[in-house]
């Protein structure tokens, strides 16, 4: 069995640890300006990667390796770049002009990651339908 589902779960675990510590920091300091970045980290980082890891472990075992790897790297790196940009925006009060390149890179990466996940799900669905026919 592929170890790639473990990679998805490990990255999800890193995201939720950072996201939880970030939430604790916000509550202790009573500074919730970075709440949108914190929410993106928890949702895109933890939830999405966990769901994808579960899919690949249970239903996507026959997914082409290149598709699973591209899904992992597009979403993982995209989340890291996006959270870096959002963090700079809220913590450092960096001007938007400096953050636009990060968003221009990260958002399409995450969307392409979700498209590759859709392709993996569609391939799995098709294979299951062909196997039962």
Protein backbone atom coordinates (compact mmCIF):
# COMPACT_ATOMS: atom_id res chain seq x y z
CA UNK A 1 0.00 0.00 0.00
CA UNK A 2 1.17 3.51 -0.77
CA UNK A 3 2.51 5.68 2.02
CA UNK A 4 1.10 8.84 0.44
CA UNK A 5 -2.06 8.81 2.59
CA UNK A 6 0.28 9.06 5.58
CA UNK A 7 1.89 12.14 4.02
CA UNK A 8 -1.55 13.78 3.76
CA UNK A 9 -2.31 12.96 7.40
CA UNK A 10 1.10 14.18 8.58
CA UNK A 11 0.69 17.51 6.80
CA UNK A 12 -2.86 17.78 8.19
CA UNK A 13 -1.49 17.14 11.70
CA UNK A 14 1.14 19.87 11.28
CA UNK A 15 -1.56 22.29 10.10
CA UNK A 16 -3.88 21.60 13.02
CA UNK A 17 -1.08 21.90 15.59
CA UNK A 18 -0.06 25.27 14.16
CA UNK A 19 -3.70 26.32 13.76
CA UNK A 20 -4.57 25.39 17.34
CA UNK A 21 -1.54 27.20 18.74
CA UNK A 22 -2.43 30.19 16.60
CA UNK A 23 -5.98 30.16 17.97
CA UNK A 24 -4.65 29.96 21.51
CA UNK A 25 -2.35 32.90 20.80
CA UNK A 26 -5.27 34.94 19.51
CA UNK A 27 -7.38 34.18 22.57
CA UNK A 28 -4.58 34.99 25.03
CA UNK A 29 -3.66 38.27 23.34
CA UNK A 30 -7.27 39.19 22.49
CA UNK A 31 -6.01 40.06 19.01
CA UNK A 32 -8.24 38.37 16.44
CA UNK A 33 -7.08 40.27 13.36
CA UNK A 34 -5.49 37.12 11.95
CA UNK A 35 -8.63 34.99 12.39
CA UNK A 36 -9.19 34.64 8.61
CA UNK A 37 -5.69 33.23 8.12
CA UNK A 38 -6.16 30.91 11.10
CA UNK A 39 -9.46 29.68 9.64
CA UNK A 40 -7.89 29.07 6.22
CA UNK A 41 -5.10 27.05 7.82
CA UNK A 42 -7.57 24.87 9.72
CA UNK A 43 -9.96 24.40 6.81
CA UNK A 44 -7.60 24.10 3.84
CA UNK A 45 -4.74 22.61 5.79
CA UNK A 46 -6.29 20.26 8.29
CA UNK A 47 -9.73 19.39 6.99
CA UNK A 48 -8.99 19.18 3.27
CA UNK A 49 -5.75 17.24 3.64
CA UNK A 50 -7.38 14.86 6.15
CA UNK A 51 -10.27 14.12 3.80
CA UNK A 52 -7.86 13.55 0.92
CA UNK A 53 -5.67 11.25 3.03
CA UNK A 54 -8.73 9.25 4.05
CA UNK A 55 -9.85 8.97 0.45
CA UNK A 56 -6.46 7.75 -0.77
CA UNK A 57 -6.21 5.26 2.10
CA UNK A 58 -9.69 3.79 1.60
CA UNK A 59 -10.93 4.32 -1.94
CA UNK A 60 -8.10 5.76 -3.99
CA UNK A 61 -5.63 2.91 -3.68
CA UNK A 62 -5.48 2.53 -7.47
CA UNK A 63 -4.96 6.24 -8.11
CA UNK A 64 -1.95 6.87 -10.33
CA UNK A 65 0.98 7.81 -8.13
CA UNK A 66 1.74 10.98 -10.10
CA UNK A 67 -1.81 12.23 -9.50
CA UNK A 68 -1.65 11.60 -5.76
CA UNK A 69 1.78 13.25 -5.49
CA UNK A 70 0.70 16.29 -7.49
CA UNK A 71 -2.40 16.60 -5.32
CA UNK A 72 -0.29 16.48 -2.16
CA UNK A 73 2.31 19.00 -3.28
CA UNK A 74 -0.10 21.45 -4.89
CA UNK A 75 -2.32 21.61 -1.81
CA UNK A 76 0.44 21.45 0.82
CA UNK A 77 2.71 24.03 -0.75
CA UNK A 78 -0.25 26.18 -1.76
CA UNK A 79 -1.51 26.27 1.84
CA UNK A 80 1.94 27.14 3.19
CA UNK A 81 2.34 30.00 0.70
CA UNK A 82 -1.20 31.31 1.30
CA UNK A 83 -0.87 31.23 5.09
CA UNK A 84 2.50 32.95 4.85
CA UNK A 85 0.90 35.76 2.85
CA UNK A 86 -2.12 36.06 5.12
CA UNK A 87 0.09 35.93 8.20
CA UNK A 88 2.25 38.75 6.85
CA UNK A 89 -0.87 40.74 6.10
CA UNK A 90 -2.30 40.43 9.60
CA UNK A 91 0.81 40.24 11.79
CA UNK A 92 3.28 42.43 9.97
CA UNK A 93 0.71 44.71 8.37
CA UNK A 94 2.59 44.24 5.11
CA UNK A 95 1.24 46.28 2.21
CA UNK A 96 -1.07 44.39 -0.12
CA UNK A 97 1.21 45.03 -3.08
CA UNK A 98 3.87 42.82 -1.49
CA UNK A 99 1.39 40.02 -0.80
CA UNK A 100 -0.25 39.86 -4.21
CA UNK A 101 2.53 37.64 -5.68
CA UNK A 102 2.01 35.12 -2.86
CA UNK A 103 -1.72 35.01 -3.53
CA UNK A 104 -1.19 34.84 -7.30
CA UNK A 105 0.92 31.71 -6.76
CA UNK A 106 -0.94 30.04 -3.89
CA UNK A 107 -4.56 30.30 -4.99
CA UNK A 108 -4.12 28.59 -8.38
CA UNK A 109 -1.98 25.92 -6.70
CA UNK A 110 -4.74 25.09 -4.25
CA UNK A 111 -7.38 25.11 -6.98
CA UNK A 112 -5.24 22.81 -9.15
CA UNK A 113 -4.75 20.59 -6.11
CA UNK A 114 -8.51 20.29 -5.73
CA UNK A 115 -8.87 19.62 -9.45
CA UNK A 116 -6.32 16.81 -9.19
CA UNK A 117 -8.26 15.43 -6.22
CA UNK A 118 -11.45 15.56 -8.28
CA UNK A 119 -9.65 13.64 -11.04
CA UNK A 120 -8.56 10.98 -8.53
CA UNK A 121 -12.10 10.64 -7.20
CA UNK A 122 -13.53 10.45 -10.73
CA UNK A 123 -10.99 7.77 -11.70
CA UNK A 124 -11.79 5.78 -8.57
CA UNK A 125 -15.53 6.07 -9.19
CA UNK A 126 -15.08 4.95 -12.80
CA UNK A 127 -12.90 1.99 -11.83
CA UNK A 128 -15.40 0.85 -9.20
CA UNK A 129 -18.25 1.12 -11.72
CA UNK A 130 -16.28 -0.88 -14.29
CA UNK A 131 -15.34 -3.52 -11.72
CA UNK A 132 -18.96 -4.14 -10.75
CA UNK A 133 -20.27 -4.22 -14.32
